Amino acid sequence: MKREHHNPQTLPDWSGMFSQLVVTEQNGLKFVHISGQVGVDQTKKLVGDGSLRAQTRQALVNLQAALDSVGVSVQDVVKLIIYVVDYEYEQARIIREELRAVFPPQKLPALSLLGVAALAEKHFLIEIDAEVIAAASV
């Protein structure tokens, strides 16, 4: 099985702790495991301090950059796991609206939405992991 670790320059550099993406290929399929994307830009500057909407939007921008870096698209995403600090049901509307701005409504990925006490850094409100399955490159 082919396995590659990626840390694209279009994403924040966390390479001292983890790879942004791990791509495996087997039996004509490409599996992309994308580490949790948060509301920071590529220089690790927080976007939207205190704003779940702004941080969700930036995490999705980062997710798109991760997908682009290995030649796959949002239509290839099969599962999202979203972690939200101190989650309250009313926040689902904000997350749903931001997801629908990115993912085709008829082809939404599977989703787990989890409330957590904290994330890796104090001001992070949301983190989005993604799993992708696509045709392997020839």
C-alpha atoms as a PDB file:
ATOM      1  CA  MET A   1       0.000   0.000   0.000  1.00  0.00           C
ATOM      2  CA  LYS A   2       1.287   3.434  -0.942  1.00  0.00           C
ATOM      3  CA  ARG A   3       1.329   5.997   1.914  1.00  0.00           C
ATOM      4  CA  GLU A   4       2.291   9.694   1.829  1.00  0.00           C
ATOM      5  CA  HIS A   5       2.320  12.375   4.511  1.00  0.00           C
ATOM      6  CA  HIS A   6       1.549  15.954   3.422  1.00  0.00           C
ATOM      7  CA  ASN A   7       1.939  19.370   5.023  1.00  0.00           C
ATOM      8  CA  PRO A   8       0.905  21.819   2.282  1.00  0.00           C
ATOM      9  CA  GLN A   9       2.283  25.362   2.450  1.00  0.00           C
ATOM     10  CA  THR A  10      -1.283  26.666   2.067  1.00  0.00           C
ATOM     11  CA  LEU A  11      -2.084  25.391   5.566  1.00  0.00           C
ATOM     12  CA  PRO A  12      -0.685  26.230   9.009  1.00  0.00           C
ATOM     13  CA  ASP A  13       2.537  24.366   9.753  1.00  0.00           C
ATOM     14  CA  TRP A  14       1.889  21.960  12.624  1.00  0.00           C
ATOM     15  CA  SER A  15       4.436  19.454  11.268  1.00  0.00           C
ATOM     16  CA  GLY A  16       6.276  19.313  14.594  1.00  0.00           C
ATOM     17  CA  MET A  17       3.192  17.607  16.022  1.00  0.00           C
ATOM     18  CA  PHE A  18       1.294  15.929  13.146  1.00  0.00           C
ATOM     19  CA  SER A  19       0.806  15.693   9.380  1.00  0.00           C
ATOM     20  CA  GLN A  20      -2.029  17.739   7.902  1.00  0.00           C
ATOM     21  CA  LEU A  21      -2.922  14.881   5.558  1.00  0.00           C
ATOM     22  CA  VAL A  22      -2.072  11.232   5.178  1.00  0.00           C
ATOM     23  CA  VAL A  23      -2.873   9.752   1.785  1.00  0.00           C
ATOM     24  CA  THR A  24      -2.984   6.038   1.110  1.00  0.00           C
ATOM     25  CA  GLU A  25      -3.680   4.296  -2.179  1.00  0.00           C
ATOM     26  CA  GLN A  26      -4.802   0.726  -2.619  1.00  0.00           C
ATOM     27  CA  ASN A  27      -6.828  -1.217  -5.195  1.00  0.00           C
ATOM     28  CA  GLY A  28      -7.375   1.853  -7.385  1.00  0.00           C
ATOM     29  CA  LEU A  29      -8.678   4.002  -4.533  1.00  0.00           C
ATOM     30  CA  LYS A  30      -7.174   7.004  -2.768  1.00  0.00           C
ATOM     31  CA  PHE A  31      -7.982   7.437   0.919  1.00  0.00           C
ATOM     32  CA  VAL A  32      -7.248  10.871   2.368  1.00  0.00           C
ATOM     33  CA  HIS A  33      -7.233  11.397   6.140  1.00  0.00           C
ATOM     34  CA  ILE A  34      -7.298  15.104   6.958  1.00  0.00           C
ATOM     35  CA  SER A  35      -6.291  16.315  10.409  1.00  0.00           C
ATOM     36  CA  GLY A  36      -8.613  18.642  12.277  1.00  0.00           C
ATOM     37  CA  GLN A  37      -8.847  22.051  10.627  1.00  0.00           C
ATOM     38  CA  VAL A  38      -9.415  25.046  12.883  1.00  0.00           C
ATOM     39  CA  GLY A  39     -10.155  28.742  12.508  1.00  0.00           C
ATOM     40  CA  VAL A  40      -6.634  29.983  11.808  1.00  0.00           C
ATOM     41  CA  ASP A  41      -5.007  31.190   8.614  1.00  0.00           C
ATOM     42  CA  GLN A  42      -1.808  29.688   7.199  1.00  0.00           C
ATOM     43  CA  THR A  43       0.289  31.859   9.561  1.00  0.00           C
ATOM     44  CA  LYS A  44      -1.668  30.461  12.553  1.00  0.00           C
ATOM     45  CA  LYS A  45      -3.452  33.774  13.105  1.00  0.00           C
ATOM     46  CA  LEU A  46      -6.874  33.195  14.688  1.00  0.00           C
ATOM     47  CA  VAL A  47      -9.776  34.218  12.456  1.00  0.00           C
ATOM     48  CA  GLY A  48     -12.911  35.309  14.290  1.00  0.00           C
ATOM     49  CA  ASP A  49     -11.938  35.326  17.948  1.00  0.00           C
ATOM     50  CA  GLY A  50     -15.126  34.327  19.762  1.00  0.00           C
ATOM     51  CA  SER A  51     -17.107  33.822  16.518  1.00  0.00           C
ATOM     52  CA  LEU A  52     -18.191  30.272  15.784  1.00  0.00           C
ATOM     53  CA  ARG A  53     -19.329  31.277  12.286  1.00  0.00           C
ATOM     54  CA  ALA A  54     -16.008  32.907  11.344  1.00  0.00           C
ATOM     55  CA  GLN A  55     -13.962  30.033  12.747  1.00  0.00           C
ATOM     56  CA  THR A  56     -16.169  27.456  11.011  1.00  0.00           C
ATOM     57  CA  ARG A  57     -15.801  29.294   7.716  1.00  0.00           C
ATOM     58  CA  GLN A  58     -11.993  29.443   8.095  1.00  0.00           C
ATOM     59  CA  ALA A  59     -11.788  25.773   9.074  1.00  0.00           C
ATOM     60  CA  LEU A  60     -13.705  24.974   5.871  1.00  0.00           C
ATOM     61  CA  VAL A  61     -11.368  27.224   3.845  1.00  0.00           C
ATOM     62  CA  ASN A  62      -8.481  25.211   5.299  1.00  0.00           C
ATOM     63  CA  LEU A  63     -10.278  21.961   4.520  1.00  0.00           C
ATOM     64  CA  GLN A  64     -10.684  23.072   0.908  1.00  0.00           C
ATOM     65  CA  ALA A  65      -6.965  23.918   0.730  1.00  0.00           C
ATOM     66  CA  ALA A  66      -6.149  20.459   2.091  1.00  0.00           C
ATOM     67  CA  LEU A  67      -8.381  18.805  -0.502  1.00  0.00           C
ATOM     68  CA  ASP A  68      -6.912  20.894  -3.332  1.00  0.00           C
ATOM     69  CA  SER A  69      -3.370  20.009  -2.283  1.00  0.00           C
ATOM     70  CA  VAL A  70      -3.919  16.333  -3.106  1.00  0.00           C
ATOM     71  CA  GLY A  71      -6.227  16.743  -6.094  1.00  0.00           C
ATOM     72  CA  VAL A  72      -9.569  15.803  -4.565  1.00  0.00           C
ATOM     73  CA  SER A  73     -12.759  17.808  -4.048  1.00  0.00           C
ATOM     74  CA  VAL A  74     -15.516  18.314  -1.503  1.00  0.00           C
ATOM     75  CA  GLN A  75     -17.592  15.813  -3.469  1.00  0.00           C
ATOM     76  CA  ASP A  76     -15.046  13.152  -2.479  1.00  0.00           C
ATOM     77  CA  VAL A  77     -15.484  13.776   1.271  1.00  0.00           C
ATOM     78  CA  VAL A  78     -17.330  10.844   2.826  1.00  0.00           C
ATOM     79  CA  LYS A  79     -17.209  11.747   6.522  1.00  0.00           C
ATOM     80  CA  LEU A  80     -16.722  14.786   8.730  1.00  0.00           C
ATOM     81  CA  ILE A  81     -16.152  14.805  12.458  1.00  0.00           C
ATOM     82  CA  ILE A  82     -16.785  18.223  13.945  1.00  0.00           C
ATOM     83  CA  TYR A  83     -15.774  19.122  17.488  1.00  0.00           C
ATOM     84  CA  VAL A  84     -17.343  22.221  19.062  1.00  0.00           C
ATOM     85  CA  VAL A  85     -16.292  23.693  22.399  1.00  0.00           C
ATOM     86  CA  ASP A  86     -19.210  23.942  24.851  1.00  0.00           C
ATOM     87  CA  TYR A  87     -21.642  22.874  22.120  1.00  0.00           C
ATOM     88  CA  GLU A  88     -25.255  24.014  22.372  1.00  0.00           C
ATOM     89  CA  TYR A  89     -27.974  22.782  20.027  1.00  0.00           C
ATOM     90  CA  GLU A  90     -28.636  26.284  18.664  1.00  0.00           C
ATOM     91  CA  GLN A  91     -25.114  26.330  17.185  1.00  0.00           C
ATOM     92  CA  ALA A  92     -26.093  23.581  14.741  1.00  0.00           C
ATOM     93  CA  ARG A  93     -27.779  26.207  12.538  1.00  0.00           C
ATOM     94  CA  ILE A  94     -24.514  28.137  12.100  1.00  0.00           C
ATOM     95  CA  ILE A  95     -22.570  24.972  11.323  1.00  0.00           C
ATOM     96  CA  ARG A  96     -25.261  23.723   8.922  1.00  0.00           C
ATOM     97  CA  GLU A  97     -25.292  27.032   7.014  1.00  0.00           C
ATOM     98  CA  GLU A  98     -21.510  27.048   6.634  1.00  0.00           C
ATOM     99  CA  LEU A  99     -21.428  23.391   5.539  1.00  0.00           C
ATOM    100  CA  ARG A 100     -24.141  23.982   2.936  1.00  0.00           C
ATOM    101  CA  ALA A 101     -22.108  26.849   1.481  1.00  0.00           C
ATOM    102  CA  VAL A 102     -19.339  24.330   0.717  1.00  0.00           C
ATOM    103  CA  PHE A 103     -20.929  20.899   0.203  1.00  0.00           C
ATOM    104  CA  PRO A 104     -23.577  20.056  -2.423  1.00  0.00           C
ATOM    105  CA  PRO A 105     -26.916  19.734  -0.551  1.00  0.00           C
ATOM    106  CA  GLN A 106     -27.818  16.410  -2.197  1.00  0.00           C
ATOM    107  CA  LYS A 107     -24.399  14.902  -1.415  1.00  0.00           C
ATOM    108  CA  LEU A 108     -23.597  15.887   2.146  1.00  0.00           C
ATOM    109  CA  PRO A 109     -20.967  13.694   3.800  1.00  0.00           C
ATOM    110  CA  ALA A 110     -21.685  11.565   6.846  1.00  0.00           C
ATOM    111  CA  LEU A 111     -21.249  13.662   9.989  1.00  0.00           C
ATOM    112  CA  SER A 112     -20.523  13.296  13.668  1.00  0.00           C
ATOM    113  CA  LEU A 113     -20.968  16.502  15.677  1.00  0.00           C
ATOM    114  CA  LEU A 114     -19.444  16.390  19.140  1.00  0.00           C
ATOM    115  CA  GLY A 115     -19.415  18.841  22.009  1.00  0.00           C
ATOM    116  CA  VAL A 116     -16.067  18.993  23.806  1.00  0.00           C
ATOM    117  CA  ALA A 117     -14.683  20.843  26.813  1.00  0.00           C
ATOM    118  CA  ALA A 118     -11.673  22.272  24.957  1.00  0.00           C
ATOM    119  CA  LEU A 119      -9.532  22.006  21.835  1.00  0.00           C
ATOM    120  CA  ALA A 120      -5.764  22.245  21.330  1.00  0.00           C
ATOM    121  CA  GLU A 121      -5.617  26.001  21.907  1.00  0.00           C
ATOM    122  CA  LYS A 122      -7.692  28.178  24.212  1.00  0.00           C
ATOM    123  CA  HIS A 123      -9.426  30.314  21.556  1.00  0.00           C
ATOM    124  CA  PHE A 124     -10.324  27.502  19.141  1.00  0.00           C
ATOM    125  CA  LEU A 125     -14.106  26.982  19.046  1.00  0.00           C
ATOM    126  CA  ILE A 126     -14.380  24.338  16.316  1.00  0.00           C
ATOM    127  CA  GLU A 127     -12.252  21.663  14.667  1.00  0.00           C
ATOM    128  CA  ILE A 128     -13.200  19.724  11.524  1.00  0.00           C
ATOM    129  CA  ASP A 129     -11.673  16.338  10.585  1.00  0.00           C
ATOM    130  CA  ALA A 130     -12.403  14.803   7.183  1.00  0.00           C
ATOM    131  CA  GLU A 131     -12.126  11.433   5.499  1.00  0.00           C
ATOM    132  CA  VAL A 132     -12.036  11.188   1.706  1.00  0.00           C
ATOM    133  CA  ILE A 133     -12.321   8.336  -0.780  1.00  0.00           C
ATOM    134  CA  ALA A 134     -11.559   9.011  -4.439  1.00  0.00           C
ATOM    135  CA  ALA A 135     -10.191   7.251  -7.484  1.00  0.00           C
ATOM    136  CA  ALA A 136      -6.420   6.845  -7.279  1.00  0.00           C
ATOM    137  CA  SER A 137      -4.348   8.756  -9.792  1.00  0.00           C
ATOM    138  CA  VAL A 138      -3.010   6.696 -12.632  1.00  0.00           C
END
